């Protein structure tokens, strides 16, 4: 007789076992649903889901960050090694040899880290030694870290992309100081920036060749910044689906075992039902 069935007590009603099974199912599915709900909440934010799905665009944006944005900005929540998959993806656009693309991306990443006296395990810190040096080189403004800029700035990814495309000549009558630029989209005071326009049409580097436009580069670097703000979103989504699949199988097995246990009374003993007298009584 199974150890969990007492010989001194009648078997319980099978219906109650299914209630316990239902509670078990709900508890078992909770972790997977929590993972998926967190990813869904991220993707529900405006402009995030489509940019997370645009992996080739984010890969090109990683190249842009490496060659343009990293001259002033850091990504201190990421390590150099975190960018290897994206840089490898960008290399594959020019090479059909996956091994060669990996080697080129790895070598490029090592060289980049070496210029900062860092290793692949180091965070992508600001290129300036201290805040005072950063302000002195940027007209008194401190270049922000871009790790989570699209999560914290008002307007999110849409604003970042529009701002990168928004540089214009100043309107008549508006005088700009030295090293100051006009951007009507900017949230800064009087739409003035100390950051110069980072892109111009015809820039020749990386996956674009000689045909890059400001709109393309702004779109791709924004996709990369979305990825950098949620670098593990895709992995969490896959993990959530895997957890749900595993728990679904486990739940099915447990439900089958519960049903089997309560349908088969112990050998040599009849199930006792309420209100029914036994033959010897």
C-alpha atoms as a PDB file:
ATOM      1  CA  UNK A   1       0.000   0.000   0.000  1.00  0.00           C
ATOM      2  CA  UNK A   2       1.394   3.447  -0.856  1.00  0.00           C
ATOM      3  CA  UNK A   3       2.745   5.285   2.156  1.00  0.00           C
ATOM      4  CA  UNK A   4       0.475   8.293   1.580  1.00  0.00           C
ATOM      5  CA  UNK A   5      -2.763   6.242   1.941  1.00  0.00           C
ATOM      6  CA  UNK A   6      -3.607   5.568   5.566  1.00  0.00           C
ATOM      7  CA  UNK A   7      -5.145   2.078   6.167  1.00  0.00           C
ATOM      8  CA  UNK A   8      -7.263   3.477   9.000  1.00  0.00           C
ATOM      9  CA  UNK A   9      -8.992   6.092   6.857  1.00  0.00           C
ATOM     10  CA  UNK A  10     -11.241   5.763   3.818  1.00  0.00           C
ATOM     11  CA  UNK A  11     -10.058   6.967   0.449  1.00  0.00           C
ATOM     12  CA  UNK A  12     -10.971  10.527  -0.341  1.00  0.00           C
ATOM     13  CA  UNK A  13     -13.231  11.518  -3.157  1.00  0.00           C
ATOM     14  CA  UNK A  14     -11.432  11.678  -6.517  1.00  0.00           C
ATOM     15  CA  UNK A  15     -12.959  15.090  -7.162  1.00  0.00           C
ATOM     16  CA  UNK A  16     -10.947  16.680  -4.380  1.00  0.00           C
ATOM     17  CA  UNK A  17      -7.714  15.363  -5.878  1.00  0.00           C
ATOM     18  CA  UNK A  18      -8.458  17.166  -9.111  1.00  0.00           C
ATOM     19  CA  UNK A  19      -8.930  20.398  -7.171  1.00  0.00           C
ATOM     20  CA  UNK A  20      -5.498  19.927  -5.694  1.00  0.00           C
ATOM     21  CA  UNK A  21      -4.178  19.177  -9.161  1.00  0.00           C
ATOM     22  CA  UNK A  22      -5.694  22.391 -10.474  1.00  0.00           C
ATOM     23  CA  UNK A  23      -4.018  24.373  -7.718  1.00  0.00           C
ATOM     24  CA  UNK A  24      -0.733  22.671  -8.552  1.00  0.00           C
ATOM     25  CA  UNK A  25      -1.106  23.615 -12.225  1.00  0.00           C
ATOM     26  CA  UNK A  26      -1.712  27.268 -11.369  1.00  0.00           C
ATOM     27  CA  UNK A  27       1.315  27.398  -9.084  1.00  0.00           C
ATOM     28  CA  UNK A  28       3.513  25.582 -11.589  1.00  0.00           C
ATOM     29  CA  UNK A  29       2.713  27.945 -14.446  1.00  0.00           C
ATOM     30  CA  UNK A  30       3.310  31.093 -12.396  1.00  0.00           C
ATOM     31  CA  UNK A  31       7.112  31.396 -12.991  1.00  0.00           C
ATOM     32  CA  UNK A  32       6.832  31.076 -16.756  1.00  0.00           C
ATOM     33  CA  UNK A  33       3.934  33.510 -16.918  1.00  0.00           C
ATOM     34  CA  UNK A  34       5.892  35.983 -14.790  1.00  0.00           C
ATOM     35  CA  UNK A  35       8.842  35.858 -17.195  1.00  0.00           C
ATOM     36  CA  UNK A  36       6.613  36.337 -20.231  1.00  0.00           C
ATOM     37  CA  UNK A  37       4.612  39.127 -18.612  1.00  0.00           C
ATOM     38  CA  UNK A  38       7.812  41.046 -17.873  1.00  0.00           C
ATOM     39  CA  UNK A  39       8.942  40.783 -21.499  1.00  0.00           C
ATOM     40  CA  UNK A  40       5.462  41.698 -22.732  1.00  0.00           C
ATOM     41  CA  UNK A  41       5.461  44.808 -20.552  1.00  0.00           C
ATOM     42  CA  UNK A  42       8.767  45.851 -22.108  1.00  0.00           C
ATOM     43  CA  UNK A  43       7.538  45.258 -25.643  1.00  0.00           C
ATOM     44  CA  UNK A  44       4.312  47.145 -24.985  1.00  0.00           C
ATOM     45  CA  UNK A  45       6.225  50.416 -24.689  1.00  0.00           C
ATOM     46  CA  UNK A  46       5.975  52.568 -27.842  1.00  0.00           C
ATOM     47  CA  UNK A  47       8.673  51.864 -30.395  1.00  0.00           C
ATOM     48  CA  UNK A  48      10.337  49.075 -28.427  1.00  0.00           C
ATOM     49  CA  UNK A  49       8.945  45.823 -29.839  1.00  0.00           C
ATOM     50  CA  UNK A  50       9.745  46.543 -33.487  1.00  0.00           C
ATOM     51  CA  UNK A  51      13.257  47.723 -32.654  1.00  0.00           C
ATOM     52  CA  UNK A  52      13.976  44.686 -30.481  1.00  0.00           C
ATOM     53  CA  UNK A  53      12.943  42.510 -33.419  1.00  0.00           C
ATOM     54  CA  UNK A  54      15.191  44.454 -35.827  1.00  0.00           C
ATOM     55  CA  UNK A  55      18.397  42.565 -35.055  1.00  0.00           C
ATOM     56  CA  UNK A  56      20.218  43.514 -38.314  1.00  0.00           C
ATOM     57  CA  UNK A  57      19.411  47.173 -37.647  1.00  0.00           C
ATOM     58  CA  UNK A  58      20.737  46.899 -34.079  1.00  0.00           C
ATOM     59  CA  UNK A  59      23.889  45.215 -35.423  1.00  0.00           C
ATOM     60  CA  UNK A  60      24.553  48.133 -37.755  1.00  0.00           C
ATOM     61  CA  UNK A  61      23.820  50.467 -34.832  1.00  0.00           C
ATOM     62  CA  UNK A  62      26.477  48.700 -32.759  1.00  0.00           C
ATOM     63  CA  UNK A  63      29.031  49.518 -35.455  1.00  0.00           C
ATOM     64  CA  UNK A  64      27.868  53.152 -35.435  1.00  0.00           C
ATOM     65  CA  UNK A  65      28.225  53.334 -31.667  1.00  0.00           C
ATOM     66  CA  UNK A  66      31.705  51.853 -31.830  1.00  0.00           C
ATOM     67  CA  UNK A  67      32.978  54.266 -34.494  1.00  0.00           C
ATOM     68  CA  UNK A  68      30.993  57.431 -33.713  1.00  0.00           C
ATOM     69  CA  UNK A  69      29.100  57.552 -30.414  1.00  0.00           C
ATOM     70  CA  UNK A  70      31.759  55.945 -28.221  1.00  0.00           C
ATOM     71  CA  UNK A  71      34.026  58.956 -28.785  1.00  0.00           C
ATOM     72  CA  UNK A  72      31.949  60.778 -26.147  1.00  0.00           C
ATOM     73  CA  UNK A  73      29.510  58.305 -24.568  1.00  0.00           C
ATOM     74  CA  UNK A  74      29.753  55.091 -22.589  1.00  0.00           C
ATOM     75  CA  UNK A  75      27.562  52.049 -21.947  1.00  0.00           C
ATOM     76  CA  UNK A  76      28.645  51.217 -18.423  1.00  0.00           C
ATOM     77  CA  UNK A  77      25.917  48.609 -17.883  1.00  0.00           C
ATOM     78  CA  UNK A  78      27.304  46.518 -20.722  1.00  0.00           C
ATOM     79  CA  UNK A  79      30.623  44.791 -21.211  1.00  0.00           C
ATOM     80  CA  UNK A  80      32.588  44.772 -24.453  1.00  0.00           C
ATOM     81  CA  UNK A  81      31.902  41.057 -24.821  1.00  0.00           C
ATOM     82  CA  UNK A  82      28.151  41.724 -24.830  1.00  0.00           C
ATOM     83  CA  UNK A  83      28.503  43.386 -28.239  1.00  0.00           C
ATOM     84  CA  UNK A  84      30.212  40.418 -29.895  1.00  0.00           C
ATOM     85  CA  UNK A  85      26.998  38.822 -31.291  1.00  0.00           C
ATOM     86  CA  UNK A  86      25.877  42.124 -32.828  1.00  0.00           C
ATOM     87  CA  UNK A  87      29.264  42.966 -34.333  1.00  0.00           C
ATOM     88  CA  UNK A  88      29.472  39.436 -35.698  1.00  0.00           C
ATOM     89  CA  UNK A  89      26.030  39.900 -37.263  1.00  0.00           C
ATOM     90  CA  UNK A  90      27.254  43.106 -38.916  1.00  0.00           C
ATOM     91  CA  UNK A  91      30.357  41.327 -40.242  1.00  0.00           C
ATOM     92  CA  UNK A  92      28.198  38.633 -41.816  1.00  0.00           C
ATOM     93  CA  UNK A  93      26.614  41.266 -44.033  1.00  0.00           C
ATOM     94  CA  UNK A  94      29.964  41.512 -45.850  1.00  0.00           C
ATOM     95  CA  UNK A  95      31.100  37.903 -45.526  1.00  0.00           C
ATOM     96  CA  UNK A  96      29.398  34.570 -46.082  1.00  0.00           C
ATOM     97  CA  UNK A  97      32.033  32.807 -43.979  1.00  0.00           C
ATOM     98  CA  UNK A  98      30.629  32.609 -40.444  1.00  0.00           C
ATOM     99  CA  UNK A  99      33.996  31.679 -38.922  1.00  0.00           C
ATOM    100  CA  UNK A 100      35.728  34.607 -40.590  1.00  0.00           C
ATOM    101  CA  UNK A 101      32.954  36.971 -39.492  1.00  0.00           C
ATOM    102  CA  UNK A 102      33.370  35.793 -35.898  1.00  0.00           C
ATOM    103  CA  UNK A 103      37.155  36.207 -36.018  1.00  0.00           C
ATOM    104  CA  UNK A 104      36.910  39.697 -37.514  1.00  0.00           C
ATOM    105  CA  UNK A 105      34.331  40.817 -34.938  1.00  0.00           C
ATOM    106  CA  UNK A 106      36.354  39.354 -32.072  1.00  0.00           C
ATOM    107  CA  UNK A 107      39.588  40.978 -33.265  1.00  0.00           C
ATOM    108  CA  UNK A 108      37.857  44.329 -33.793  1.00  0.00           C
ATOM    109  CA  UNK A 109      36.350  44.173 -30.318  1.00  0.00           C
ATOM    110  CA  UNK A 110      39.720  43.347 -28.744  1.00  0.00           C
ATOM    111  CA  UNK A 111      41.337  46.290 -30.514  1.00  0.00           C
ATOM    112  CA  UNK A 112      38.576  48.639 -29.388  1.00  0.00           C
ATOM    113  CA  UNK A 113      38.859  47.501 -25.766  1.00  0.00           C
ATOM    114  CA  UNK A 114      42.652  47.809 -25.897  1.00  0.00           C
ATOM    115  CA  UNK A 115      42.409  51.489 -26.855  1.00  0.00           C
ATOM    116  CA  UNK A 116      40.557  52.004 -23.555  1.00  0.00           C
ATOM    117  CA  UNK A 117      43.062  49.861 -21.603  1.00  0.00           C
ATOM    118  CA  UNK A 118      40.229  47.410 -20.984  1.00  0.00           C
ATOM    119  CA  UNK A 119      39.419  43.750 -21.561  1.00  0.00           C
ATOM    120  CA  UNK A 120      36.335  42.131 -23.032  1.00  0.00           C
ATOM    121  CA  UNK A 121      35.027  41.649 -19.490  1.00  0.00           C
ATOM    122  CA  UNK A 122      35.286  45.372 -18.721  1.00  0.00           C
ATOM    123  CA  UNK A 123      32.292  47.710 -18.821  1.00  0.00           C
ATOM    124  CA  UNK A 124      32.100  50.111 -21.755  1.00  0.00           C
ATOM    125  CA  UNK A 125      32.927  53.155 -19.686  1.00  0.00           C
ATOM    126  CA  UNK A 126      33.062  56.805 -20.664  1.00  0.00           C
ATOM    127  CA  UNK A 127      36.163  57.690 -22.695  1.00  0.00           C
ATOM    128  CA  UNK A 128      36.903  60.579 -20.333  1.00  0.00           C
ATOM    129  CA  UNK A 129      38.937  60.017 -17.160  1.00  0.00           C
ATOM    130  CA  UNK A 130      36.593  62.084 -14.978  1.00  0.00           C
ATOM    131  CA  UNK A 131      33.491  64.323 -15.213  1.00  0.00           C
ATOM    132  CA  UNK A 132      35.576  67.504 -15.253  1.00  0.00           C
ATOM    133  CA  UNK A 133      37.442  66.372 -18.358  1.00  0.00           C
ATOM    134  CA  UNK A 134      34.170  65.372 -20.019  1.00  0.00           C
ATOM    135  CA  UNK A 135      32.620  68.788 -19.394  1.00  0.00           C
ATOM    136  CA  UNK A 136      35.730  70.628 -20.532  1.00  0.00           C
ATOM    137  CA  UNK A 137      35.663  68.775 -23.848  1.00  0.00           C
ATOM    138  CA  UNK A 138      31.942  69.317 -24.454  1.00  0.00           C
ATOM    139  CA  UNK A 139      31.243  72.964 -23.768  1.00  0.00           C
ATOM    140  CA  UNK A 140      30.415  72.429 -20.123  1.00  0.00           C
ATOM    141  CA  UNK A 141      27.957  69.569 -20.678  1.00  0.00           C
ATOM    142  CA  UNK A 142      28.499  66.044 -19.404  1.00  0.00           C
ATOM    143  CA  UNK A 143      27.814  63.459 -22.152  1.00  0.00           C
ATOM    144  CA  UNK A 144      25.313  61.018 -20.614  1.00  0.00           C
ATOM    145  CA  UNK A 145      25.808  57.303 -20.393  1.00  0.00           C
ATOM    146  CA  UNK A 146      23.632  55.678 -23.063  1.00  0.00           C
ATOM    147  CA  UNK A 147      22.980  52.301 -21.411  1.00  0.00           C
ATOM    148  CA  UNK A 148      19.346  53.042 -20.583  1.00  0.00           C
ATOM    149  CA  UNK A 149      18.820  56.391 -22.285  1.00  0.00           C
ATOM    150  CA  UNK A 150      15.791  55.181 -24.258  1.00  0.00           C
ATOM    151  CA  UNK A 151      14.164  53.994 -21.024  1.00  0.00           C
ATOM    152  CA  UNK A 152      14.706  57.157 -19.033  1.00  0.00           C
ATOM    153  CA  UNK A 153      14.376  60.028 -21.487  1.00  0.00           C
ATOM    154  CA  UNK A 154      10.970  61.520 -22.209  1.00  0.00           C
ATOM    155  CA  UNK A 155       9.688  60.305 -25.554  1.00  0.00           C
ATOM    156  CA  UNK A 156      11.724  57.099 -25.522  1.00  0.00           C
ATOM    157  CA  UNK A 157      13.154  55.627 -28.733  1.00  0.00           C
ATOM    158  CA  UNK A 158      11.020  57.807 -31.003  1.00  0.00           C
ATOM    159  CA  UNK A 159      12.463  60.963 -29.463  1.00  0.00           C
ATOM    160  CA  UNK A 160      16.052  59.706 -29.678  1.00  0.00           C
ATOM    161  CA  UNK A 161      15.705  58.902 -33.371  1.00  0.00           C
ATOM    162  CA  UNK A 162      13.972  62.203 -34.158  1.00  0.00           C
ATOM    163  CA  UNK A 163      16.592  64.149 -32.212  1.00  0.00           C
ATOM    164  CA  UNK A 164      19.465  62.519 -34.103  1.00  0.00           C
ATOM    165  CA  UNK A 165      17.811  63.525 -37.373  1.00  0.00           C
ATOM    166  CA  UNK A 166      16.679  66.941 -36.157  1.00  0.00           C
ATOM    167  CA  UNK A 167      19.739  69.179 -36.520  1.00  0.00           C
ATOM    168  CA  UNK A 168      18.967  72.278 -38.595  1.00  0.00           C
ATOM    169  CA  UNK A 169      20.575  75.641 -39.360  1.00  0.00           C
ATOM    170  CA  UNK A 170      19.489  78.214 -36.768  1.00  0.00           C
ATOM    171  CA  UNK A 171      16.512  80.395 -37.738  1.00  0.00           C
ATOM    172  CA  UNK A 172      17.136  84.031 -38.671  1.00  0.00           C
ATOM    173  CA  UNK A 173      17.859  86.171 -35.647  1.00  0.00           C
ATOM    174  CA  UNK A 174      18.985  83.311 -33.412  1.00  0.00           C
ATOM    175  CA  UNK A 175      22.603  83.634 -32.404  1.00  0.00           C
ATOM    176  CA  UNK A 176      24.469  80.560 -31.267  1.00  0.00           C
ATOM    177  CA  UNK A 177      27.500  80.576 -29.047  1.00  0.00           C
ATOM    178  CA  UNK A 178      30.721  78.761 -29.850  1.00  0.00           C
ATOM    179  CA  UNK A 179      30.387  74.991 -30.176  1.00  0.00           C
ATOM    180  CA  UNK A 180      26.592  75.269 -29.969  1.00  0.00           C
ATOM    181  CA  UNK A 181      24.151  73.704 -32.420  1.00  0.00           C
ATOM    182  CA  UNK A 182      20.453  74.156 -33.128  1.00  0.00           C
ATOM    183  CA  UNK A 183      18.065  71.222 -32.925  1.00  0.00           C
ATOM    184  CA  UNK A 184      14.326  72.050 -32.850  1.00  0.00           C
ATOM    185  CA  UNK A 185      13.499  68.543 -31.611  1.00  0.00           C
ATOM    186  CA  UNK A 186      15.822  68.712 -28.619  1.00  0.00           C
ATOM    187  CA  UNK A 187      14.401  68.939 -25.118  1.00  0.00           C
ATOM    188  CA  UNK A 188      17.230  71.242 -24.050  1.00  0.00           C
ATOM    189  CA  UNK A 189      16.790  74.948 -23.273  1.00  0.00           C
ATOM    190  CA  UNK A 190      15.958  76.895 -26.467  1.00  0.00           C
ATOM    191  CA  UNK A 191      16.707  73.735 -28.489  1.00  0.00           C
ATOM    192  CA  UNK A 192      20.434  74.327 -28.282  1.00  0.00           C
ATOM    193  CA  UNK A 193      22.957  71.531 -28.101  1.00  0.00           C
ATOM    194  CA  UNK A 194      26.651  71.385 -27.372  1.00  0.00           C
ATOM    195  CA  UNK A 195      26.710  67.986 -29.077  1.00  0.00           C
ATOM    196  CA  UNK A 196      27.557  68.413 -32.764  1.00  0.00           C
ATOM    197  CA  UNK A 197      25.539  66.517 -35.378  1.00  0.00           C
ATOM    198  CA  UNK A 198      26.908  62.973 -35.094  1.00  0.00           C
ATOM    199  CA  UNK A 199      26.001  61.909 -38.632  1.00  0.00           C
ATOM    200  CA  UNK A 200      26.070  63.325 -42.125  1.00  0.00           C
ATOM    201  CA  UNK A 201      24.992  61.879 -45.429  1.00  0.00           C
ATOM    202  CA  UNK A 202      27.628  59.854 -47.212  1.00  0.00           C
ATOM    203  CA  UNK A 203      29.596  58.663 -44.178  1.00  0.00           C
ATOM    204  CA  UNK A 204      31.794  55.780 -45.271  1.00  0.00           C
ATOM    205  CA  UNK A 205      32.274  53.024 -42.713  1.00  0.00           C
ATOM    206  CA  UNK A 206      31.090  49.605 -41.648  1.00  0.00           C
ATOM    207  CA  UNK A 207      28.050  47.972 -43.191  1.00  0.00           C
ATOM    208  CA  UNK A 208      26.909  51.026 -45.165  1.00  0.00           C
ATOM    209  CA  UNK A 209      29.731  51.508 -47.616  1.00  0.00           C
ATOM    210  CA  UNK A 210      29.432  54.982 -49.097  1.00  0.00           C
ATOM    211  CA  UNK A 211      25.646  55.216 -49.192  1.00  0.00           C
ATOM    212  CA  UNK A 212      24.741  55.908 -45.562  1.00  0.00           C
ATOM    213  CA  UNK A 213      22.125  58.564 -44.859  1.00  0.00           C
ATOM    214  CA  UNK A 214      21.423  60.392 -41.620  1.00  0.00           C
ATOM    215  CA  UNK A 215      17.958  58.802 -41.394  1.00  0.00           C
ATOM    216  CA  UNK A 216      19.377  55.281 -41.774  1.00  0.00           C
ATOM    217  CA  UNK A 217      22.080  55.774 -39.183  1.00  0.00           C
ATOM    218  CA  UNK A 218      19.674  57.425 -36.717  1.00  0.00           C
ATOM    219  CA  UNK A 219      17.266  54.505 -37.105  1.00  0.00           C
ATOM    220  CA  UNK A 220      19.963  51.881 -36.624  1.00  0.00           C
ATOM    221  CA  UNK A 221      21.692  53.481 -33.648  1.00  0.00           C
ATOM    222  CA  UNK A 222      18.293  53.896 -31.967  1.00  0.00           C
ATOM    223  CA  UNK A 223      17.609  50.191 -32.507  1.00  0.00           C
ATOM    224  CA  UNK A 224      20.968  49.458 -30.896  1.00  0.00           C
ATOM    225  CA  UNK A 225      20.200  51.686 -27.908  1.00  0.00           C
ATOM    226  CA  UNK A 226      16.888  49.854 -27.448  1.00  0.00           C
ATOM    227  CA  UNK A 227      18.807  46.582 -27.481  1.00  0.00           C
ATOM    228  CA  UNK A 228      21.347  47.951 -24.979  1.00  0.00           C
ATOM    229  CA  UNK A 229      18.516  48.996 -22.635  1.00  0.00           C
ATOM    230  CA  UNK A 230      17.019  45.472 -22.733  1.00  0.00           C
ATOM    231  CA  UNK A 231      19.938  43.263 -23.833  1.00  0.00           C
ATOM    232  CA  UNK A 232      18.399  40.067 -22.455  1.00  0.00           C
ATOM    233  CA  UNK A 233      14.791  40.599 -23.558  1.00  0.00           C
ATOM    234  CA  UNK A 234      14.911  38.020 -26.371  1.00  0.00           C
ATOM    235  CA  UNK A 235      16.682  35.470 -24.162  1.00  0.00           C
ATOM    236  CA  UNK A 236      14.080  36.003 -21.429  1.00  0.00           C
ATOM    237  CA  UNK A 237      11.294  35.494 -23.943  1.00  0.00           C
ATOM    238  CA  UNK A 238      12.766  32.195 -25.128  1.00  0.00           C
ATOM    239  CA  UNK A 239      13.374  31.146 -21.518  1.00  0.00           C
ATOM    240  CA  UNK A 240       9.754  31.933 -20.652  1.00  0.00           C
ATOM    241  CA  UNK A 241       8.464  29.771 -23.479  1.00  0.00           C
ATOM    242  CA  UNK A 242      10.824  26.983 -22.455  1.00  0.00           C
ATOM    243  CA  UNK A 243       9.656  27.153 -18.834  1.00  0.00           C
ATOM    244  CA  UNK A 244       6.015  27.024 -19.901  1.00  0.00           C
ATOM    245  CA  UNK A 245       6.649  24.040 -22.181  1.00  0.00           C
ATOM    246  CA  UNK A 246       8.508  22.161 -19.435  1.00  0.00           C
ATOM    247  CA  UNK A 247       5.847  22.904 -16.838  1.00  0.00           C
ATOM    248  CA  UNK A 248       3.075  21.927 -19.233  1.00  0.00           C
ATOM    249  CA  UNK A 249       4.672  18.495 -19.692  1.00  0.00           C
ATOM    250  CA  UNK A 250       5.307  18.159 -15.954  1.00  0.00           C
ATOM    251  CA  UNK A 251       1.728  19.168 -15.181  1.00  0.00           C
ATOM    252  CA  UNK A 252       0.371  16.590 -17.610  1.00  0.00           C
ATOM    253  CA  UNK A 253       2.475  13.848 -16.036  1.00  0.00           C
ATOM    254  CA  UNK A 254       1.426  14.832 -12.509  1.00  0.00           C
ATOM    255  CA  UNK A 255      -2.239  15.028 -13.481  1.00  0.00           C
ATOM    256  CA  UNK A 256      -2.039  11.560 -15.024  1.00  0.00           C
ATOM    257  CA  UNK A 257      -0.364  10.156 -11.902  1.00  0.00           C
ATOM    258  CA  UNK A 258      -2.948  11.739  -9.600  1.00  0.00           C
ATOM    259  CA  UNK A 259      -5.769  10.308 -11.669  1.00  0.00           C
ATOM    260  CA  UNK A 260      -4.145   6.877 -11.705  1.00  0.00           C
ATOM    261  CA  UNK A 261      -3.598   6.866  -7.937  1.00  0.00           C
ATOM    262  CA  UNK A 262      -7.175   7.810  -7.064  1.00  0.00           C
ATOM    263  CA  UNK A 263      -8.798   5.489  -9.574  1.00  0.00           C
ATOM    264  CA  UNK A 264      -7.047   2.377  -8.271  1.00  0.00           C
ATOM    265  CA  UNK A 265      -7.818   1.440  -4.635  1.00  0.00           C
ATOM    266  CA  UNK A 266      -5.239  -0.629  -2.761  1.00  0.00           C
ATOM    267  CA  UNK A 267      -5.341  -4.374  -3.429  1.00  0.00           C
ATOM    268  CA  UNK A 268      -7.455  -6.394  -0.963  1.00  0.00           C
ATOM    269  CA  UNK A 269      -9.516  -3.422   0.098  1.00  0.00           C
ATOM    270  CA  UNK A 270     -12.685  -1.847  -1.196  1.00  0.00           C
ATOM    271  CA  UNK A 271     -13.185   1.901  -1.340  1.00  0.00           C
ATOM    272  CA  UNK A 272     -15.286   3.164   1.549  1.00  0.00           C
ATOM    273  CA  UNK A 273     -18.037   5.548   0.539  1.00  0.00           C
ATOM    274  CA  UNK A 274     -20.019   7.734   2.958  1.00  0.00           C
ATOM    275  CA  UNK A 275     -23.429   6.302   3.926  1.00  0.00           C
ATOM    276  CA  UNK A 276     -22.643   2.774   2.751  1.00  0.00           C
ATOM    277  CA  UNK A 277     -22.443  -0.053   5.264  1.00  0.00           C
ATOM    278  CA  UNK A 278     -19.781  -2.652   4.947  1.00  0.00           C
ATOM    279  CA  UNK A 279     -20.862  -6.335   4.538  1.00  0.00           C
ATOM    280  CA  UNK A 280     -19.675  -7.375   8.023  1.00  0.00           C
ATOM    281  CA  UNK A 281     -21.661  -4.644   9.798  1.00  0.00           C
END
